[in-house]
C-alpha atoms as a PDB file:
ATOM      1  CA  MET A   1     123.243 249.992  41.357  1.00  0.00           C
ATOM      2  CA  SER A   2     126.696 249.543  41.654  1.00  0.00           C
ATOM      3  CA  VAL A   3     125.522 245.845  43.086  1.00  0.00           C
ATOM      4  CA  LYS A   4     123.658 245.353  40.421  1.00  0.00           C
ATOM      5  CA  ARG A   5     125.871 246.338  38.037  1.00  0.00           C
ATOM      6  CA  THR A   6     128.647 243.846  39.653  1.00  0.00           C
ATOM      7  CA  LEU A   7     126.176 241.156  39.340  1.00  0.00           C
ATOM      8  CA  LEU A   8     125.555 242.072  35.889  1.00  0.00           C
ATOM      9  CA  SER A   9     129.706 242.099  34.961  1.00  0.00           C
ATOM     10  CA  VAL A  10     130.011 239.034  36.466  1.00  0.00           C
ATOM     11  CA  ALA A  11     127.237 237.285  34.626  1.00  0.00           C
ATOM     12  CA  LEU A  12     128.483 239.003  31.428  1.00  0.00           C
ATOM     13  CA  ALA A  13     132.199 237.892  32.278  1.00  0.00           C
ATOM     14  CA  LEU A  14     130.683 234.075  33.107  1.00  0.00           C
ATOM     15  CA  PHE A  15     128.976 234.259  29.902  1.00  0.00           C
ATOM     16  CA  VAL A  16     131.866 234.538  27.751  1.00  0.00           C
ATOM     17  CA  ILE A  17     134.371 232.602  29.815  1.00  0.00           C
ATOM     18  CA  LEU A  18     131.251 229.698  29.452  1.00  0.00           C
ATOM     19  CA  GLY A  19     130.994 230.703  24.988  1.00  0.00           C
ATOM     20  CA  LEU A  20     134.817 230.582  24.894  1.00  0.00           C
ATOM     21  CA  LEU A  21     135.240 227.081  26.952  1.00  0.00           C
ATOM     22  CA  ALA A  22     132.370 226.114  24.354  1.00  0.00           C
ATOM     23  CA  ALA A  23     133.851 227.094  21.310  1.00  0.00           C
ATOM     24  CA  THR A  24     137.577 225.523  22.158  1.00  0.00           C
ATOM     25  CA  THR A  25     135.737 222.491  23.479  1.00  0.00           C
ATOM     26  CA  SER A  26     133.010 221.736  20.842  1.00  0.00           C
ATOM     27  CA  TRP A  27     135.595 221.088  17.855  1.00  0.00           C
ATOM     28  CA  TYR A  28     138.072 218.370  17.183  1.00  0.00           C
ATOM     29  CA  THR A  29     139.992 216.740  14.440  1.00  0.00           C
ATOM     30  CA  VAL A  30     140.668 213.150  13.685  1.00  0.00           C
ATOM     31  CA  ASP A  31     143.944 212.458  11.245  1.00  0.00           C
ATOM     32  CA  GLU A  32     143.643 209.662   8.858  1.00  0.00           C
ATOM     33  CA  SER A  33     146.038 207.606  11.188  1.00  0.00           C
ATOM     34  CA  GLU A  34     143.954 208.315  14.374  1.00  0.00           C
ATOM     35  CA  GLN A  35     140.338 207.106  15.597  1.00  0.00           C
ATOM     36  CA  ALA A  36     138.681 209.167  18.115  1.00  0.00           C
ATOM     37  CA  VAL A  37     135.899 207.858  21.077  1.00  0.00           C
ATOM     38  CA  VAL A  38     133.612 210.782  22.228  1.00  0.00           C
ATOM     39  CA  ILE A  39     133.040 210.157  26.030  1.00  0.00           C
ATOM     40  CA  THR A  40     129.651 211.513  27.260  1.00  0.00           C
ATOM     41  CA  PHE A  41     129.835 212.119  31.397  1.00  0.00           C
ATOM     42  CA  GLY A  42     132.413 209.423  31.618  1.00  0.00           C
ATOM     43  CA  GLN A  43     131.109 206.786  29.269  1.00  0.00           C
ATOM     44  CA  ALA A  44     132.060 205.689  25.694  1.00  0.00           C
ATOM     45  CA  ASP A  45     129.432 206.766  23.536  1.00  0.00           C
ATOM     46  CA  GLU A  46     130.694 206.534  19.783  1.00  0.00           C
ATOM     47  CA  ILE A  47     133.725 205.753  17.859  1.00  0.00           C
ATOM     48  CA  ILE A  48     134.859 208.301  15.037  1.00  0.00           C
ATOM     49  CA  THR A  49     136.884 206.768  12.470  1.00  0.00           C
ATOM     50  CA  GLU A  50     136.711 209.488   9.658  1.00  0.00           C
ATOM     51  CA  SER A  51     139.131 211.585   9.449  1.00  0.00           C
ATOM     52  CA  GLY A  52     138.537 215.853   9.203  1.00  0.00           C
ATOM     53  CA  LEU A  53     136.909 218.607  11.492  1.00  0.00           C
ATOM     54  CA  HIS A  54     133.853 216.923  13.945  1.00  0.00           C
ATOM     55  CA  PHE A  55     131.815 218.802  16.732  1.00  0.00           C
ATOM     56  CA  LYS A  56     130.535 217.310  20.134  1.00  0.00           C
ATOM     57  CA  MET A  57     129.211 218.679  23.039  1.00  0.00           C
ATOM     58  CA  PRO A  58     131.233 221.086  25.150  1.00  0.00           C
ATOM     59  CA  TRP A  59     132.987 220.090  28.079  1.00  0.00           C
ATOM     60  CA  PRO A  60     132.649 218.325  30.444  1.00  0.00           C
ATOM     61  CA  ILE A  61     129.182 217.602  29.082  1.00  0.00           C
ATOM     62  CA  GLN A  62     131.287 215.400  26.669  1.00  0.00           C
ATOM     63  CA  LYS A  63     135.260 214.887  25.722  1.00  0.00           C
ATOM     64  CA  VAL A  64     137.659 213.034  23.025  1.00  0.00           C
ATOM     65  CA  GLU A  65     139.890 210.600  23.182  1.00  0.00           C
ATOM     66  CA  VAL A  66     142.041 210.560  20.166  1.00  0.00           C
ATOM     67  CA  LEU A  67     144.206 206.922  19.645  1.00  0.00           C
ATOM     68  CA  SER A  68     146.079 205.664  16.588  1.00  0.00           C
ATOM     69  CA  LYS A  69     145.339 203.411  14.409  1.00  0.00           C
ATOM     70  CA  GLY A  70     148.641 202.445  13.514  1.00  0.00           C
ATOM     71  CA  THR A  71     151.224 199.451  14.821  1.00  0.00           C
ATOM     72  CA  LYS A  72     152.868 200.186  18.017  1.00  0.00           C
ATOM     73  CA  SER A  73     155.649 198.448  19.222  1.00  0.00           C
ATOM     74  CA  LEU A  74     156.360 197.451  22.762  1.00  0.00           C
ATOM     75  CA  THR A  75     159.989 196.504  23.931  1.00  0.00           C
ATOM     76  CA  PHE A  76     160.901 193.551  26.211  1.00  0.00           C
ATOM     77  CA  GLY A  77     164.061 193.464  27.874  1.00  0.00           C
ATOM     78  CA  TYR A  78     165.590 196.882  26.462  1.00  0.00           C
ATOM     79  CA  THR A  79     164.966 199.974  26.549  1.00  0.00           C
ATOM     80  CA  GLN A  80     166.515 202.694  23.326  1.00  0.00           C
ATOM     81  CA  ASN A  81     167.996 206.129  24.687  1.00  0.00           C
ATOM     82  CA  ASP A  82     167.696 208.865  22.812  1.00  0.00           C
ATOM     83  CA  ASP A  83     171.040 208.571  20.628  1.00  0.00           C
ATOM     84  CA  GLY A  84     169.380 204.989  19.645  1.00  0.00           C
ATOM     85  CA  GLU A  85     171.563 202.992  21.626  1.00  0.00           C
ATOM     86  CA  MET A  86     169.935 199.913  23.403  1.00  0.00           C
ATOM     87  CA  GLU A  87     169.874 199.318  27.146  1.00  0.00           C
ATOM     88  CA  LEU A  88     169.332 195.920  28.331  1.00  0.00           C
ATOM     89  CA  LYS A  89     166.979 195.122  31.751  1.00  0.00           C
ATOM     90  CA  ASP A  90     168.911 192.135  33.362  1.00  0.00           C
ATOM     91  CA  LYS A  91     165.919 191.285  35.265  1.00  0.00           C
ATOM     92  CA  GLU A  92     163.271 191.302  32.287  1.00  0.00           C
ATOM     93  CA  THR A  93     166.215 189.262  30.046  1.00  0.00           C
ATOM     94  CA  ARG A  94     167.283 186.312  32.122  1.00  0.00           C
ATOM     95  CA  MET A  95     165.255 183.311  31.698  1.00  0.00           C
ATOM     96  CA  ILE A  96     165.874 179.427  32.103  1.00  0.00           C
ATOM     97  CA  THR A  97     165.607 177.093  29.567  1.00  0.00           C
ATOM     98  CA  GLY A  98     164.069 173.481  30.096  1.00  0.00           C
ATOM     99  CA  ASP A  99     167.580 172.306  30.474  1.00  0.00           C
ATOM    100  CA  GLU A 100     168.101 174.306  32.978  1.00  0.00           C
ATOM    101  CA  ASN A 101     170.481 177.157  31.711  1.00  0.00           C
ATOM    102  CA  ILE A 102     170.101 180.767  31.759  1.00  0.00           C
ATOM    103  CA  VAL A 103     169.878 182.620  28.616  1.00  0.00           C
ATOM    104  CA  LEU A 104     169.396 186.295  28.111  1.00  0.00           C
ATOM    105  CA  THR A 105     166.180 186.893  26.078  1.00  0.00           C
ATOM    106  CA  ASP A 106     165.142 190.203  25.009  1.00  0.00           C
ATOM    107  CA  LEU A 107     162.369 191.229  21.844  1.00  0.00           C
ATOM    108  CA  VAL A 108     159.744 193.337  19.817  1.00  0.00           C
ATOM    109  CA  VAL A 109     155.984 192.853  20.070  1.00  0.00           C
ATOM    110  CA  GLN A 110     154.059 194.993  17.121  1.00  0.00           C
ATOM    111  CA  TRP A 111     150.501 195.644  18.254  1.00  0.00           C
ATOM    112  CA  ARG A 112     147.534 197.959  17.348  1.00  0.00           C
ATOM    113  CA  ILE A 113     144.136 199.086  18.907  1.00  0.00           C
ATOM    114  CA  VAL A 114     141.415 197.028  17.061  1.00  0.00           C
ATOM    115  CA  ASP A 115     138.564 198.551  19.225  1.00  0.00           C
ATOM    116  CA  PRO A 116     139.225 202.446  21.563  1.00  0.00           C
ATOM    117  CA  LYS A 117     136.331 201.525  23.706  1.00  0.00           C
ATOM    118  CA  LYS A 118     137.678 198.293  24.997  1.00  0.00           C
ATOM    119  CA  TYR A 119     141.437 199.943  25.605  1.00  0.00           C
ATOM    120  CA  LEU A 120     139.714 202.964  27.102  1.00  0.00           C
ATOM    121  CA  PHE A 121     137.683 201.275  29.838  1.00  0.00           C
ATOM    122  CA  SER A 122     138.419 197.456  30.175  1.00  0.00           C
ATOM    123  CA  SER A 123     141.828 198.186  32.393  1.00  0.00           C
ATOM    124  CA  GLN A 124     143.267 201.111  33.346  1.00  0.00           C
ATOM    125  CA  ASP A 125     146.845 200.412  31.943  1.00  0.00           C
ATOM    126  CA  PRO A 126     146.680 198.210  28.818  1.00  0.00           C
ATOM    127  CA  GLU A 127     149.786 198.293  27.877  1.00  0.00           C
ATOM    128  CA  LYS A 128     151.101 197.551  31.444  1.00  0.00           C
ATOM    129  CA  ILE A 129     149.276 194.279  31.120  1.00  0.00           C
ATOM    130  CA  LEU A 130     150.598 193.628  27.803  1.00  0.00           C
ATOM    131  CA  HIS A 131     153.701 193.778  28.978  1.00  0.00           C
ATOM    132  CA  SER A 132     152.830 191.604  31.775  1.00  0.00           C
ATOM    133  CA  ALA A 133     151.422 188.902  29.168  1.00  0.00           C
ATOM    134  CA  THR A 134     154.412 189.090  26.962  1.00  0.00           C
ATOM    135  CA  SER A 135     157.536 188.132  29.780  1.00  0.00           C
ATOM    136  CA  SER A 136     154.328 185.397  31.288  1.00  0.00           C
ATOM    137  CA  ALA A 137     154.640 184.234  26.766  1.00  0.00           C
ATOM    138  CA  ILE A 138     158.114 184.179  26.171  1.00  0.00           C
ATOM    139  CA  ARG A 139     159.569 182.630  29.767  1.00  0.00           C
ATOM    140  CA  SER A 140     156.904 179.810  29.269  1.00  0.00           C
ATOM    141  CA  VAL A 141     157.836 179.180  25.957  1.00  0.00           C
ATOM    142  CA  ILE A 142     162.000 179.364  26.681  1.00  0.00           C
ATOM    143  CA  GLY A 143     161.196 177.599  29.978  1.00  0.00           C
ATOM    144  CA  SER A 144     160.197 174.297  27.960  1.00  0.00           C
ATOM    145  CA  SER A 145     162.908 175.034  25.210  1.00  0.00           C
ATOM    146  CA  LYS A 146     166.043 173.520  25.116  1.00  0.00           C
ATOM    147  CA  ILE A 147     169.371 175.646  24.787  1.00  0.00           C
ATOM    148  CA  ASP A 148     170.799 174.386  21.458  1.00  0.00           C
ATOM    149  CA  ALA A 149     167.322 175.571  19.646  1.00  0.00           C
ATOM    150  CA  ALA A 150     167.101 178.717  21.733  1.00  0.00           C
ATOM    151  CA  LEU A 151     170.451 179.482  20.759  1.00  0.00           C
ATOM    152  CA  THR A 152     170.512 177.992  16.788  1.00  0.00           C
ATOM    153  CA  ASP A 153     168.099 177.069  14.907  1.00  0.00           C
ATOM    154  CA  GLY A 154     164.849 177.362  17.396  1.00  0.00           C
ATOM    155  CA  LYS A 155     164.434 180.683  17.101  1.00  0.00           C
ATOM    156  CA  ALA A 156     161.956 180.904  14.537  1.00  0.00           C
ATOM    157  CA  ASP A 157     160.027 178.252  16.246  1.00  0.00           C
ATOM    158  CA  ILE A 158     160.342 180.102  19.897  1.00  0.00           C
ATOM    159  CA  GLU A 159     158.918 183.480  17.691  1.00  0.00           C
ATOM    160  CA  LYS A 160     156.081 181.668  16.429  1.00  0.00           C
ATOM    161  CA  SER A 161     154.995 180.105  19.974  1.00  0.00           C
ATOM    162  CA  THR A 162     155.550 183.348  21.567  1.00  0.00           C
ATOM    163  CA  ARG A 163     152.766 185.067  19.490  1.00  0.00           C
ATOM    164  CA  ASP A 164     150.226 182.345  19.490  1.00  0.00           C
ATOM    165  CA  LEU A 165     150.404 182.229  23.615  1.00  0.00           C
ATOM    166  CA  LEU A 166     150.638 185.699  23.680  1.00  0.00           C
ATOM    167  CA  VAL A 167     147.574 186.379  21.644  1.00  0.00           C
ATOM    168  CA  THR A 168     145.915 183.600  23.603  1.00  0.00           C
ATOM    169  CA  LEU A 169     146.601 185.758  26.511  1.00  0.00           C
ATOM    170  CA  VAL A 170     145.348 189.108  25.128  1.00  0.00           C
ATOM    171  CA  ASP A 171     142.243 187.432  24.020  1.00  0.00           C
ATOM    172  CA  LYS A 172     141.938 186.470  27.352  1.00  0.00           C
ATOM    173  CA  TYR A 173     142.264 189.814  28.909  1.00  0.00           C
ATOM    174  CA  ASP A 174     139.667 191.377  26.448  1.00  0.00           C
ATOM    175  CA  ILE A 175     141.891 194.833  26.435  1.00  0.00           C
ATOM    176  CA  GLY A 176     141.138 195.913  22.785  1.00  0.00           C
ATOM    177  CA  ILE A 177     143.993 195.054  21.039  1.00  0.00           C
ATOM    178  CA  SER A 178     145.281 193.018  18.619  1.00  0.00           C
ATOM    179  CA  ILE A 179     149.242 191.054  18.238  1.00  0.00           C
ATOM    180  CA  LEU A 180     150.889 191.476  14.747  1.00  0.00           C
ATOM    181  CA  ALA A 181     153.815 189.455  15.137  1.00  0.00           C
ATOM    182  CA  VAL A 182     156.879 188.761  17.920  1.00  0.00           C
ATOM    183  CA  LYS A 183     160.419 189.371  16.851  1.00  0.00           C
ATOM    184  CA  LEU A 184     163.085 188.025  18.838  1.00  0.00           C
ATOM    185  CA  GLN A 185     166.427 190.767  18.847  1.00  0.00           C
ATOM    186  CA  ASP A 186     168.626 188.178  20.575  1.00  0.00           C
ATOM    187  CA  VAL A 187     168.644 185.278  22.405  1.00  0.00           C
ATOM    188  CA  GLU A 188     172.300 184.879  23.632  1.00  0.00           C
ATOM    189  CA  LEU A 189     174.325 183.271  27.013  1.00  0.00           C
ATOM    190  CA  PRO A 190     175.134 185.682  30.096  1.00  0.00           C
ATOM    191  CA  ASN A 191     178.799 185.327  29.826  1.00  0.00           C
ATOM    192  CA  ALA A 192     181.612 185.627  27.633  1.00  0.00           C
ATOM    193  CA  ASP A 193     183.609 182.178  28.860  1.00  0.00           C
ATOM    194  CA  VAL A 194     179.975 180.466  28.959  1.00  0.00           C
ATOM    195  CA  ARG A 195     179.238 181.556  25.360  1.00  0.00           C
ATOM    196  CA  ALA A 196     182.646 180.904  24.019  1.00  0.00           C
ATOM    197  CA  ALA A 197     182.171 177.161  25.762  1.00  0.00           C
ATOM    198  CA  PHE A 198     179.105 177.067  23.982  1.00  0.00           C
ATOM    199  CA  MET A 199     180.449 177.751  20.539  1.00  0.00           C
ATOM    200  CA  ALA A 200     183.290 175.639  20.554  1.00  0.00           C
ATOM    201  CA  VAL A 201     180.641 173.104  21.270  1.00  0.00           C
ATOM    202  CA  THR A 202     178.391 174.603  18.370  1.00  0.00           C
ATOM    203  CA  ASP A 203     181.720 174.627  16.053  1.00  0.00           C
ATOM    204  CA  ALA A 204     182.331 170.699  16.822  1.00  0.00           C
ATOM    205  CA  ARG A 205     179.006 169.717  16.066  1.00  0.00           C
ATOM    206  CA  GLU A 206     178.390 171.305  13.039  1.00  0.00           C
ATOM    207  CA  MET A 207     182.395 169.888  11.715  1.00  0.00           C
ATOM    208  CA  LYS A 208     180.440 166.760  12.941  1.00  0.00           C
ATOM    209  CA  ASN A 209     177.585 167.068  10.578  1.00  0.00           C
ATOM    210  CA  THR A 210     179.355 168.396   7.646  1.00  0.00           C
ATOM    211  CA  LYS A 211     181.775 165.078   7.960  1.00  0.00           C
ATOM    212  CA  ILE A 212     178.649 162.983   8.134  1.00  0.00           C
ATOM    213  CA  ASN A 213     177.354 164.738   4.852  1.00  0.00           C
ATOM    214  CA  GLU A 214     180.765 163.909   3.318  1.00  0.00           C
ATOM    215  CA  ALA A 215     180.607 160.396   4.109  1.00  0.00           C
ATOM    216  CA  GLU A 216     176.877 159.675   2.657  1.00  0.00           C
ATOM    217  CA  LYS A 217     177.643 161.666  -0.459  1.00  0.00           C
ATOM    218  CA  TYR A 218     181.394 159.667  -1.019  1.00  0.00           C
ATOM    219  CA  THR A 219     178.343 156.353  -0.368  1.00  0.00           C
ATOM    220  CA  ASN A 220     175.946 157.322  -2.193  1.00  0.00           C
ATOM    221  CA  GLN A 221     178.653 158.351  -5.003  1.00  0.00           C
ATOM    222  CA  ARG A 222     180.582 154.845  -4.565  1.00  0.00           C
ATOM    223  CA  ILE A 223     176.844 152.890  -4.704  1.00  0.00           C
ATOM    224  CA  SER A 224     176.198 154.471  -7.917  1.00  0.00           C
ATOM    225  CA  GLU A 225     179.087 153.384  -9.031  1.00  0.00           C
ATOM    226  CA  ALA A 226     178.615 149.897  -8.300  1.00  0.00           C
ATOM    227  CA  GLU A 227     175.090 150.149  -9.555  1.00  0.00           C
ATOM    228  CA  GLY A 228     176.270 151.343 -12.892  1.00  0.00           C
ATOM    229  CA  GLU A 229     178.833 148.845 -13.441  1.00  0.00           C
ATOM    230  CA  LYS A 230     176.896 145.927 -12.138  1.00  0.00           C
ATOM    231  CA  ASP A 231     174.242 147.260 -15.280  1.00  0.00           C
ATOM    232  CA  ALA A 232     177.156 147.160 -17.664  1.00  0.00           C
ATOM    233  CA  ILE A 233     178.038 143.767 -16.723  1.00  0.00           C
ATOM    234  CA  ILE A 234     174.010 142.360 -17.170  1.00  0.00           C
ATOM    235  CA  SER A 235     174.168 144.180 -20.436  1.00  0.00           C
ATOM    236  CA  ARG A 236     177.225 142.876 -21.804  1.00  0.00           C
ATOM    237  CA  ALA A 237     176.227 139.649 -20.773  1.00  0.00           C
ATOM    238  CA  GLU A 238     172.903 139.774 -21.970  1.00  0.00           C
ATOM    239  CA  GLY A 239     174.468 140.839 -25.671  1.00  0.00           C
ATOM    240  CA  GLU A 240     176.987 138.171 -24.944  1.00  0.00           C
ATOM    241  CA  LYS A 241     173.747 135.733 -24.286  1.00  0.00           C
ATOM    242  CA  ILE A 242     172.112 136.875 -27.519  1.00  0.00           C
ATOM    243  CA  ALA A 243     174.913 136.388 -29.281  1.00  0.00           C
ATOM    244  CA  ARG A 244     175.698 133.518 -28.347  1.00  0.00           C
ATOM    245  CA  ILE A 245     171.828 131.638 -28.750  1.00  0.00           C
ATOM    246  CA  GLN A 246     172.288 133.434 -32.577  1.00  0.00           C
ATOM    247  CA  GLN A 247     175.261 131.610 -33.270  1.00  0.00           C
ATOM    248  CA  ALA A 248     174.313 128.253 -31.792  1.00  0.00           C
ATOM    249  CA  LYS A 249     170.758 128.803 -34.393  1.00  0.00           C
ATOM    250  CA  GLY A 250     173.369 129.633 -37.285  1.00  0.00           C
ATOM    251  CA  GLU A 251     175.380 126.181 -36.667  1.00  0.00           C
ATOM    252  CA  VAL A 252     172.023 124.165 -36.111  1.00  0.00           C
ATOM    253  CA  ALA A 253     170.818 125.738 -39.086  1.00  0.00           C
ATOM    254  CA  VAL A 254     174.351 124.750 -40.999  1.00  0.00           C
ATOM    255  CA  PHE A 255     174.140 121.670 -39.676  1.00  0.00           C
ATOM    256  CA  ASN A 256     170.433 120.738 -40.667  1.00  0.00           C
ATOM    257  CA  GLU A 257     171.510 122.019 -44.517  1.00  0.00           C
ATOM    258  CA  LEU A 258     174.609 119.929 -44.588  1.00  0.00           C
ATOM    259  CA  TYR A 259     172.433 116.981 -42.921  1.00  0.00           C
ATOM    260  CA  LYS A 260     169.846 116.923 -45.756  1.00  0.00           C
ATOM    261  CA  GLN A 261     173.061 117.073 -48.541  1.00  0.00           C
ATOM    262  CA  TYR A 262     174.436 114.096 -46.789  1.00  0.00           C
ATOM    263  CA  ALA A 263     171.194 112.335 -46.722  1.00  0.00           C
ATOM    264  CA  ASN A 264     170.699 112.633 -50.517  1.00  0.00           C
ATOM    265  CA  ASN A 265     174.925 111.737 -51.642  1.00  0.00           C
ATOM    266  CA  LYS A 266     176.429 110.539 -48.524  1.00  0.00           C
ATOM    267  CA  GLU A 267     179.965 109.327 -50.208  1.00  0.00           C
ATOM    268  CA  ILE A 268     180.390 112.722 -51.690  1.00  0.00           C
ATOM    269  CA  THR A 269     179.650 114.546 -48.512  1.00  0.00           C
ATOM    270  CA  ARG A 270     181.622 112.866 -46.793  1.00  0.00           C
ATOM    271  CA  GLU A 271     184.656 113.289 -49.190  1.00  0.00           C
ATOM    272  CA  ARG A 272     183.869 117.449 -49.304  1.00  0.00           C
ATOM    273  CA  LEU A 273     183.775 117.688 -45.496  1.00  0.00           C
ATOM    274  CA  VAL A 274     187.234 115.583 -45.677  1.00  0.00           C
ATOM    275  CA  LEU A 275     188.517 118.109 -48.234  1.00  0.00           C
ATOM    276  CA  GLU A 276     186.987 120.990 -46.155  1.00  0.00           C
ATOM    277  CA  THR A 277     188.195 119.890 -42.895  1.00  0.00           C
ATOM    278  CA  LEU A 278     191.822 118.970 -44.499  1.00  0.00           C
ATOM    279  CA  GLU A 279     191.747 122.866 -45.951  1.00  0.00           C
ATOM    280  CA  ASN A 280     190.504 124.164 -42.275  1.00  0.00           C
ATOM    281  CA  VAL A 281     192.920 122.145 -40.604  1.00  0.00           C
ATOM    282  CA  LEU A 282     196.051 122.909 -43.195  1.00  0.00           C
ATOM    283  CA  PRO A 283     195.283 126.326 -45.123  1.00  0.00           C
ATOM    284  CA  ASN A 284     198.587 126.720 -47.030  1.00  0.00           C
ATOM    285  CA  ALA A 285     199.142 122.826 -48.267  1.00  0.00           C
ATOM    286  CA  GLN A 286     198.650 121.944 -52.111  1.00  0.00           C
ATOM    287  CA  ILE A 287     196.342 119.764 -52.053  1.00  0.00           C
ATOM    288  CA  TYR A 288     196.594 116.826 -54.909  1.00  0.00           C
ATOM    289  CA  ILE A 289     193.975 114.498 -56.246  1.00  0.00           C
ATOM    290  CA  MET A 290     195.230 110.832 -57.334  1.00  0.00           C
ATOM    291  CA  ASN A 291     192.875 109.354 -60.023  1.00  0.00           C
ATOM    292  CA  ASP A 292     193.075 105.299 -60.424  1.00  0.00           C
ATOM    293  CA  ASP A 293     195.999 105.627 -63.290  1.00  0.00           C
ATOM    294  CA  GLY A 294     198.813 106.851 -60.607  1.00  0.00           C
ATOM    295  CA  GLU A 295     198.547 110.726 -62.010  1.00  0.00           C
ATOM    296  CA  THR A 296     197.602 113.551 -59.803  1.00  0.00           C
ATOM    297  CA  LEU A 297     195.194 116.065 -60.372  1.00  0.00           C
ATOM    298  CA  LYS A 298     195.276 119.515 -58.463  1.00  0.00           C
ATOM    299  CA  TYR A 299     192.404 119.925 -56.271  1.00  0.00           C
ATOM    300  CA  LEU A 300     190.445 123.222 -56.630  1.00  0.00           C
ATOM    301  CA  PRO A 301     190.080 125.936 -56.395  1.00  0.00           C
ATOM    302  CA  ILE A 302     193.250 126.750 -58.407  1.00  0.00           C
ATOM    303  CA  GLN A 303     195.823 129.042 -56.925  1.00  0.00           C
ATOM    304  CA  PRO A 304     195.848 132.202 -58.474  1.00  0.00           C
ATOM    305  CA  PRO A 305     199.131 132.584 -61.079  1.00  0.00           C
ATOM    306  CA  GLN A 306     201.872 134.386 -59.426  1.00  0.00           C
ATOM    307  CA  ALA A 307     203.094 137.953 -60.589  1.00  0.00           C
ATOM    308  CA  ALA A 308     206.090 137.368 -62.693  1.00  0.00           C
ATOM    309  CA  THR A 309     208.928 138.804 -61.274  1.00  0.00           C
ATOM    310  CA  PRO A 310     211.371 140.929 -63.543  1.00  0.00           C
ATOM    311  CA  ALA A 311     213.916 138.424 -63.641  1.00  0.00           C
ATOM    312  CA  ASN A 312     211.252 136.323 -65.229  1.00  0.00           C
ATOM    313  CA  ASN A 313     210.534 139.013 -67.515  1.00  0.00           C
ATOM    314  CA  GLU A 314     214.134 139.515 -68.750  1.00  0.00           C
ATOM    315  CA  GLU A 315     214.307 135.378 -69.064  1.00  0.00           C
ATOM    316  CA  LYS A 316     210.832 135.637 -71.218  1.00  0.00           C
ATOM    317  CA  THR A 317     212.373 138.370 -73.327  1.00  0.00           C
ATOM    318  CA  GLU A 318     215.558 136.863 -73.802  1.00  0.00           C
ATOM    319  CA  GLY A 319     213.676 133.651 -75.011  1.00  0.00           C
ATOM    320  CA  SER A 320     211.844 135.248 -77.544  1.00  0.00           C
ATOM    321  CA  GLU A 321     214.782 137.152 -79.002  1.00  0.00           C
ATOM    322  CA  LYS A 322     216.856 133.393 -79.639  1.00  0.00           C
ATOM    323  CA  GLN A 323     213.399 132.306 -80.850  1.00  0.00           C
END
């Protein structure tokens, strides 16, 4: 009887333990920012993306892997400690450019899980594969870039090329993740002396470009001024040309009219021309015409009488009084 009771107690204890195990492992929750993969006997069964409380078969029949749906970041070339300070990894950051210069490069890769099944079962450590792919991509791009581009205005192109190459590698590995962005944190030279020399060269190049731009600006300004002067001279010449043509036409019309008068009465017209010519040549001369009797007649137009002066007025008054 004691043996039976013992066996019964053991069986009851096992039943209670299995019941508790089933109760505690059959329910799970999924947050709005999460997704879950239900695994049945070691194989992925279904993907749960709806948030809330869900039921599954108890362990060890089924288990659940809960993964984030949000954006994750992979830092390459450095790590951040608890205080938020960056600690560089020299082996990762040292790279050789296409013109055989050494630079230190670190970056951040933003990615997320798009296929939880592949993320869990296509590789043993997908994040390690992503890290290796990132190293391969950035070293390949830096290795085909010039140091000037890597340190100055070529960083955007390096980011884009690195992202494109990294996307190609990740798609080839098929590990269930998607690359969202690649951001270069810094690209710099390995020591202070080299950095100072490079900055001096960069400053000289910028000064050269500034001088070239100023010279081009001055050249364009002078050309514009010369073009304006040329247009003004041409415009004045055109105006003078038109004025001369109109003046010539007017003189021709006057001559033609004069010729008609001359044709009708040649003698009078000839005398008139002589008198008008004399008036033009001697504008202040008094012109008289002699008749056949030797008397002189003043030629019209008669000059207007001069205004009487006060002295003349007095003489005329005295004369009138005497009369």
